[in-house]
Amino acid sequence: MADPVLHFRRFLEDERQLSSHTVRAYISDIKQLCAFLEEDCGFSPSPAADFWGRVTEAQLQKFMRARMASDGAASVGRKIAALKTFFGFLVKRCGLAADPAALLRPPRNKRHLPVYLEEEEADRLLEIDSAADELKLRDRAILELMYACGLRVSEVAALDVASLRFADAVVRVFGKGRKERLVPLGRVAAEILQKYLKQRRPASPAAGDALFLNARGGRLTARSLSTLVKKYGLSAGLQKPLTPHAVRHSFATHLLQNGADLRVIQELLGHSSLSTTQRYTHVDVKRLLEVYDKAHPLAQGEERKN
């Protein structure tokens, strides 16, 4: 192949069907490595496969150590995933003799408890007077859908009108890797969405069948949705940073607190691994300990009465 990086991009887009954001990030990581090899190791710039055939594991380790000096563990972990995918591709498709990235391991990532809303805070967030305002009705429909279905912001942005199946009370969603799943649509969210669709302005030709439209009739972007969520979080007086992911965390946490099985939550969230979903068990244990500390007479070390 004359340019393995170009073919790798097509492989990510067409065969792996990764999101455009992930594809851009992976290609950026490969180009960053290329620049490092040219500057630090004296490699002549060349797109050809023989450029990558000279790369050693030691050079990749050096590159990752340099990145760890300035990037967070999550970012470095993503770069390692990009390199492992890229060099695996070169071995299988370009005849690379050995995979120098095979033994790379991501750094340990500190696990932070996800930010989520209490049920009372979620109620406050959704108290939007949308009776006489089309855009406020749209905004309430967005928030109701996010909380009812626990969707990623990219998934909400990608929804079309046809994604809603009111007769079956589900939403058809395409998640990471274009994996399809059906998520139950709650009664309240369904009612608000139906009201919104009756008042929804005409979509521009470029927006096609987009479900959520901006004031000009175009498809709402993930960035616009994030700004919208933050705005309504401030309006509701919430004392925590509100993001679409925090709404998604709230969906999962409230399901767990109300007795939902972890495997069911995994399917609803579209997680490929149960370990990703298990973070919510830590949230629930934290809440149980708080309840115990407040409610149990000996939690604060009070002396037992005989």
Protein backbone atom coordinates (compact mmCIF):
# COMPACT_ATOMS: atom_id res chain seq x y z
CA MET A 1 0.00 0.00 0.00
CA ALA A 2 1.35 3.42 -0.94
CA ASP A 3 -0.13 5.09 2.13
CA PRO A 4 -1.05 2.70 4.98
CA VAL A 5 -2.45 5.54 7.13
CA LEU A 6 -4.98 6.44 4.43
CA HIS A 7 -6.03 2.79 4.11
CA PHE A 8 -6.20 2.53 7.91
CA ARG A 9 -8.63 5.46 7.99
CA ARG A 10 -10.84 3.73 5.44
CA PHE A 11 -10.64 0.51 7.46
CA LEU A 12 -11.83 2.34 10.60
CA GLU A 13 -14.66 4.08 8.75
CA ASP A 14 -15.90 1.31 6.46
CA GLU A 15 -15.12 -1.95 8.24
CA ARG A 16 -14.96 -1.04 11.90
CA GLN A 17 -17.61 1.69 11.42
CA LEU A 18 -16.18 3.77 14.25
CA SER A 19 -17.53 7.25 14.94
CA SER A 20 -15.97 10.17 13.08
CA HIS A 21 -14.65 11.47 16.41
CA THR A 22 -12.83 8.20 17.15
CA VAL A 23 -11.44 8.00 13.61
CA ARG A 24 -10.06 11.55 13.86
CA ALA A 25 -8.52 10.79 17.24
CA TYR A 26 -6.85 7.57 16.04
CA ILE A 27 -5.41 9.22 12.92
CA SER A 28 -4.20 12.16 15.01
CA ASP A 29 -2.43 9.72 17.35
CA ILE A 30 -0.72 7.98 14.41
CA LYS A 31 0.43 11.32 12.97
CA GLN A 32 1.70 12.34 16.40
CA LEU A 33 3.77 9.14 16.54
CA CYS A 34 5.05 9.78 13.02
CA ALA A 35 6.24 13.27 14.01
CA PHE A 36 7.91 11.85 17.13
CA LEU A 37 9.76 9.22 15.08
CA GLU A 38 10.97 11.83 12.62
CA GLU A 39 12.13 14.25 15.32
CA ASP A 40 13.43 11.93 18.03
CA CYS A 41 14.58 8.90 16.02
CA GLY A 42 15.64 10.54 12.77
CA PHE A 43 13.22 8.62 10.56
CA SER A 44 12.77 10.10 7.08
CA PRO A 45 9.14 11.13 6.54
CA SER A 46 7.43 8.64 4.26
CA PRO A 47 3.86 7.29 4.05
CA ALA A 48 5.06 3.94 2.74
CA ALA A 49 4.87 0.74 4.76
CA ASP A 50 8.66 0.45 5.09
CA PHE A 51 8.57 3.55 7.32
CA TRP A 52 6.49 1.61 9.84
CA GLY A 53 8.49 -1.58 9.37
CA ARG A 54 11.45 0.06 11.12
CA VAL A 55 9.51 0.95 14.26
CA THR A 56 10.52 -0.98 17.40
CA GLU A 57 8.74 -1.65 20.68
CA ALA A 58 11.40 0.41 22.50
CA GLN A 59 10.58 3.45 20.33
CA LEU A 60 6.88 3.07 21.02
CA GLN A 61 7.56 2.81 24.75
CA LYS A 62 9.66 5.98 24.54
CA PHE A 63 6.85 7.74 22.68
CA MET A 64 4.31 6.72 25.32
CA ARG A 65 6.59 7.89 28.17
CA ALA A 66 6.88 11.26 26.44
CA ARG A 67 3.09 11.50 26.12
CA MET A 68 2.52 10.54 29.76
CA ALA A 69 4.55 13.58 30.80
CA SER A 70 1.84 15.85 29.41
CA ASP A 71 -1.31 13.78 28.79
CA GLY A 72 -3.69 12.12 31.23
CA ALA A 73 -3.93 8.36 31.70
CA ALA A 74 -7.16 8.17 29.67
CA SER A 75 -5.58 10.00 26.73
CA VAL A 76 -2.48 7.80 26.81
CA GLY A 77 -4.68 4.71 27.04
CA ARG A 78 -6.54 5.85 23.92
CA LYS A 79 -3.24 6.38 22.07
CA ILE A 80 -2.12 2.87 22.96
CA ALA A 81 -5.43 1.49 21.65
CA ALA A 82 -4.86 3.45 18.41
CA LEU A 83 -1.31 2.11 18.03
CA LYS A 84 -2.30 -1.49 18.74
CA THR A 85 -5.14 -1.27 16.21
CA PHE A 86 -2.90 0.40 13.61
CA PHE A 87 0.03 -2.01 13.85
CA GLY A 88 -2.34 -4.98 13.98
CA PHE A 89 -3.81 -3.65 10.73
CA LEU A 90 -0.32 -3.33 9.19
CA VAL A 91 0.51 -6.93 10.08
CA LYS A 92 -2.71 -8.33 8.60
CA ARG A 93 -3.16 -6.05 5.59
CA CYS A 94 0.29 -4.66 4.72
CA GLY A 95 2.57 -7.62 5.38
CA LEU A 96 4.40 -6.08 8.35
CA ALA A 97 6.67 -8.83 9.72
CA ALA A 98 6.15 -8.15 13.46
CA ASP A 99 3.86 -6.09 15.66
CA PRO A 100 5.92 -3.71 17.85
CA ALA A 101 2.75 -2.60 19.71
CA ALA A 102 1.66 -6.10 20.75
CA LEU A 103 3.03 -5.81 24.31
CA LEU A 104 2.01 -2.21 24.99
CA ARG A 105 -0.21 -1.90 28.07
CA PRO A 106 -2.34 1.12 29.02
CA PRO A 107 -1.55 2.95 32.27
CA ARG A 108 -3.82 2.41 35.24
CA ASN A 109 -6.62 4.91 35.03
CA LYS A 110 -7.89 6.39 38.28
CA ARG A 111 -11.55 5.53 38.62
CA HIS A 112 -13.70 8.48 39.59
CA LEU A 113 -17.24 8.05 40.80
CA PRO A 114 -19.53 9.42 38.10
CA VAL A 115 -21.47 12.62 38.74
CA TYR A 116 -25.19 11.90 38.89
CA LEU A 117 -28.40 13.57 39.99
CA GLU A 118 -30.54 12.56 42.89
CA GLU A 119 -34.10 11.77 41.84
CA GLU A 120 -35.34 15.09 43.29
CA GLU A 121 -32.68 16.96 41.27
CA ALA A 122 -33.72 15.11 38.10
CA ASP A 123 -37.32 16.23 38.73
CA ARG A 124 -36.16 19.85 39.06
CA LEU A 125 -34.18 19.61 35.83
CA LEU A 126 -37.25 18.46 33.91
CA GLU A 127 -39.56 21.18 35.27
CA ILE A 128 -39.59 23.24 32.08
CA ASP A 129 -42.63 25.35 31.21
CA SER A 130 -42.90 24.48 27.54
CA ALA A 131 -46.57 25.20 26.92
CA ALA A 132 -46.17 28.14 24.54
CA ASP A 133 -42.58 27.87 23.31
CA GLU A 134 -41.51 25.46 20.56
CA LEU A 135 -37.80 25.56 21.46
CA LYS A 136 -38.51 24.98 25.15
CA LEU A 137 -40.72 22.07 24.19
CA ARG A 138 -37.83 20.71 22.11
CA ASP A 139 -35.45 21.19 25.04
CA ARG A 140 -37.76 19.38 27.44
CA ALA A 141 -38.15 16.56 24.92
CA ILE A 142 -34.35 16.25 24.72
CA LEU A 143 -33.90 16.15 28.50
CA GLU A 144 -36.81 13.74 29.00
CA LEU A 145 -35.35 11.42 26.36
CA MET A 146 -31.82 11.59 27.80
CA TYR A 147 -33.03 10.76 31.30
CA ALA A 148 -35.58 8.15 30.22
CA CYS A 149 -33.18 6.26 27.94
CA GLY A 150 -29.66 7.03 29.18
CA LEU A 151 -28.35 7.82 25.70
CA ARG A 152 -24.91 9.17 24.88
CA VAL A 153 -24.95 12.74 23.57
CA SER A 154 -23.66 11.53 20.19
CA GLU A 155 -26.54 9.05 20.03
CA VAL A 156 -29.10 11.77 20.74
CA ALA A 157 -27.60 14.01 18.05
CA ALA A 158 -27.77 11.17 15.51
CA LEU A 159 -31.44 10.30 16.13
CA ASP A 160 -33.91 10.62 13.27
CA VAL A 161 -37.69 10.88 13.56
CA ALA A 162 -37.87 7.30 12.31
CA SER A 163 -35.73 6.22 15.30
CA LEU A 164 -38.79 6.63 17.53
CA ARG A 165 -41.13 3.64 17.54
CA PHE A 166 -44.07 4.82 19.59
CA ALA A 167 -46.15 1.72 18.85
CA ASP A 168 -43.47 -0.46 20.45
CA ALA A 169 -42.45 2.17 23.04
CA VAL A 170 -38.77 1.94 22.07
CA VAL A 171 -36.01 4.05 20.53
CA ARG A 172 -33.70 2.55 17.89
CA VAL A 173 -30.17 3.66 18.70
CA PHE A 174 -26.83 3.17 16.98
CA GLY A 175 -24.05 3.30 19.57
CA LYS A 176 -20.29 2.90 19.45
CA GLY A 177 -19.12 0.86 16.49
CA ARG A 178 -22.58 1.35 14.92
CA LYS A 179 -23.98 -1.32 17.23
CA GLU A 180 -27.77 -1.21 17.17
CA ARG A 181 -29.89 -1.51 20.30
CA LEU A 182 -33.52 -0.89 21.22
CA VAL A 183 -34.08 1.15 24.37
CA PRO A 184 -37.47 1.34 26.11
CA LEU A 185 -39.12 4.75 25.88
CA GLY A 186 -40.91 5.87 29.04
CA ARG A 187 -44.50 7.08 28.91
CA VAL A 188 -43.74 10.68 29.92
CA ALA A 189 -40.88 11.00 27.43
CA ALA A 190 -43.06 9.54 24.68
CA GLU A 191 -45.85 12.05 25.36
CA ILE A 192 -43.48 15.03 25.31
CA LEU A 193 -41.79 13.78 22.13
CA GLN A 194 -45.16 13.41 20.39
CA LYS A 195 -46.10 16.98 21.37
CA TYR A 196 -42.75 18.20 20.09
CA LEU A 197 -43.16 16.43 16.73
CA LYS A 198 -46.55 18.10 16.21
CA GLN A 199 -44.96 21.55 16.64
CA ARG A 200 -41.52 20.77 15.17
CA ARG A 201 -40.40 23.26 12.53
CA PRO A 202 -39.59 22.02 9.00
CA ALA A 203 -36.11 20.55 8.67
CA SER A 204 -33.61 22.00 6.23
CA PRO A 205 -32.64 19.77 3.28
CA ALA A 206 -29.25 19.10 4.89
CA ALA A 207 -30.88 17.94 8.16
CA GLY A 208 -32.92 15.22 6.44
CA ASP A 209 -34.99 13.27 8.97
CA ALA A 210 -33.13 14.66 12.01
CA LEU A 211 -35.21 14.48 15.18
CA PHE A 212 -33.85 17.50 17.04
CA LEU A 213 -33.45 20.72 15.07
CA ASN A 214 -31.84 24.05 15.82
CA ALA A 215 -33.54 27.42 15.24
CA ARG A 216 -32.53 27.33 11.54
CA GLY A 217 -33.91 23.85 10.93
CA GLY A 218 -30.53 22.09 10.96
CA ARG A 219 -29.61 19.01 12.99
CA LEU A 220 -28.58 19.84 16.56
CA THR A 221 -24.94 18.93 17.16
CA ALA A 222 -23.52 17.12 20.17
CA ARG A 223 -21.84 20.36 21.25
CA SER A 224 -25.13 22.26 21.12
CA LEU A 225 -26.80 19.51 23.16
CA SER A 226 -24.06 19.74 25.80
CA THR A 227 -24.52 23.52 26.03
CA LEU A 228 -28.27 23.05 26.34
CA VAL A 229 -27.93 20.55 29.21
CA LYS A 230 -25.51 22.82 31.06
CA LYS A 231 -27.90 25.77 30.66
CA TYR A 232 -30.86 23.92 32.15
CA GLY A 233 -28.71 22.54 34.96
CA LEU A 234 -27.87 26.10 35.97
CA SER A 235 -31.52 27.16 35.59
CA ALA A 236 -32.56 24.34 37.93
CA GLY A 237 -30.06 25.56 40.54
CA LEU A 238 -28.10 22.29 40.59
CA GLN A 239 -24.93 22.50 42.66
CA LYS A 240 -22.92 20.19 40.39
CA PRO A 241 -21.59 20.38 36.85
CA LEU A 242 -24.26 19.00 34.56
CA THR A 243 -23.34 17.30 31.31
CA PRO A 244 -25.20 14.85 29.06
CA HIS A 245 -23.00 12.11 30.53
CA ALA A 246 -24.14 13.07 34.04
CA VAL A 247 -27.76 12.62 32.90
CA ARG A 248 -26.78 9.21 31.48
CA HIS A 249 -25.12 8.34 34.81
CA SER A 250 -28.30 9.38 36.60
CA PHE A 251 -30.37 7.05 34.42
CA ALA A 252 -28.12 4.08 35.28
CA THR A 253 -27.78 4.92 38.97
CA HIS A 254 -31.53 5.31 39.51
CA LEU A 255 -32.19 2.01 37.75
CA LEU A 256 -29.70 0.26 40.03
CA GLN A 257 -31.06 1.93 43.15
CA ASN A 258 -34.55 0.77 42.25
CA GLY A 259 -33.58 -2.86 41.79
CA ALA A 260 -32.62 -3.24 38.11
CA ASP A 261 -30.20 -6.05 37.27
CA LEU A 262 -26.69 -4.95 36.27
CA ARG A 263 -26.82 -7.00 33.06
CA VAL A 264 -30.03 -5.22 32.04
CA ILE A 265 -28.40 -1.84 32.69
CA GLN A 266 -25.41 -2.93 30.59
CA GLU A 267 -27.70 -3.69 27.65
CA LEU A 268 -29.64 -0.44 28.02
CA LEU A 269 -26.44 1.64 28.12
CA GLY A 270 -24.87 -0.22 25.20
CA HIS A 271 -21.74 -1.18 27.12
CA SER A 272 -19.72 -3.95 25.47
CA SER A 273 -18.16 -4.92 28.80
CA LEU A 274 -19.88 -5.45 32.15
CA SER A 275 -16.83 -3.98 33.91
CA THR A 276 -17.75 -0.57 32.46
CA THR A 277 -21.24 -0.85 33.96
CA GLN A 278 -19.93 -1.99 37.34
CA ARG A 279 -18.82 1.53 38.24
CA TYR A 280 -22.46 2.16 39.22
CA THR A 281 -22.22 -0.44 41.98
CA HIS A 282 -19.65 1.82 43.66
CA VAL A 283 -22.08 4.73 43.48
CA ASP A 284 -24.80 2.61 45.05
CA VAL A 285 -22.52 1.35 47.84
CA LYS A 286 -21.52 4.95 48.56
CA ARG A 287 -25.19 5.90 48.85
CA LEU A 288 -25.93 2.91 51.11
CA LEU A 289 -23.09 3.91 53.43
CA GLU A 290 -24.42 7.46 53.60
CA VAL A 291 -27.90 6.17 54.50
CA TYR A 292 -26.37 3.85 57.10
CA ASP A 293 -24.37 6.68 58.69
CA LYS A 294 -27.50 8.80 58.99
CA ALA A 295 -29.90 6.09 60.11
CA HIS A 296 -28.07 3.57 62.29
CA PRO A 297 -27.76 4.49 66.00
CA LEU A 298 -24.20 3.07 66.21
CA ALA A 299 -22.90 4.46 62.93
CA GLN A 300 -21.38 7.50 64.66
CA GLY A 301 -19.84 5.45 67.42
CA GLU A 302 -22.58 6.09 69.96
CA GLU A 303 -22.31 3.99 73.07
CA ARG A 304 -24.75 1.08 73.29
CA LYS A 305 -27.27 1.44 76.09
CA ASN A 306 -27.66 -1.57 78.40
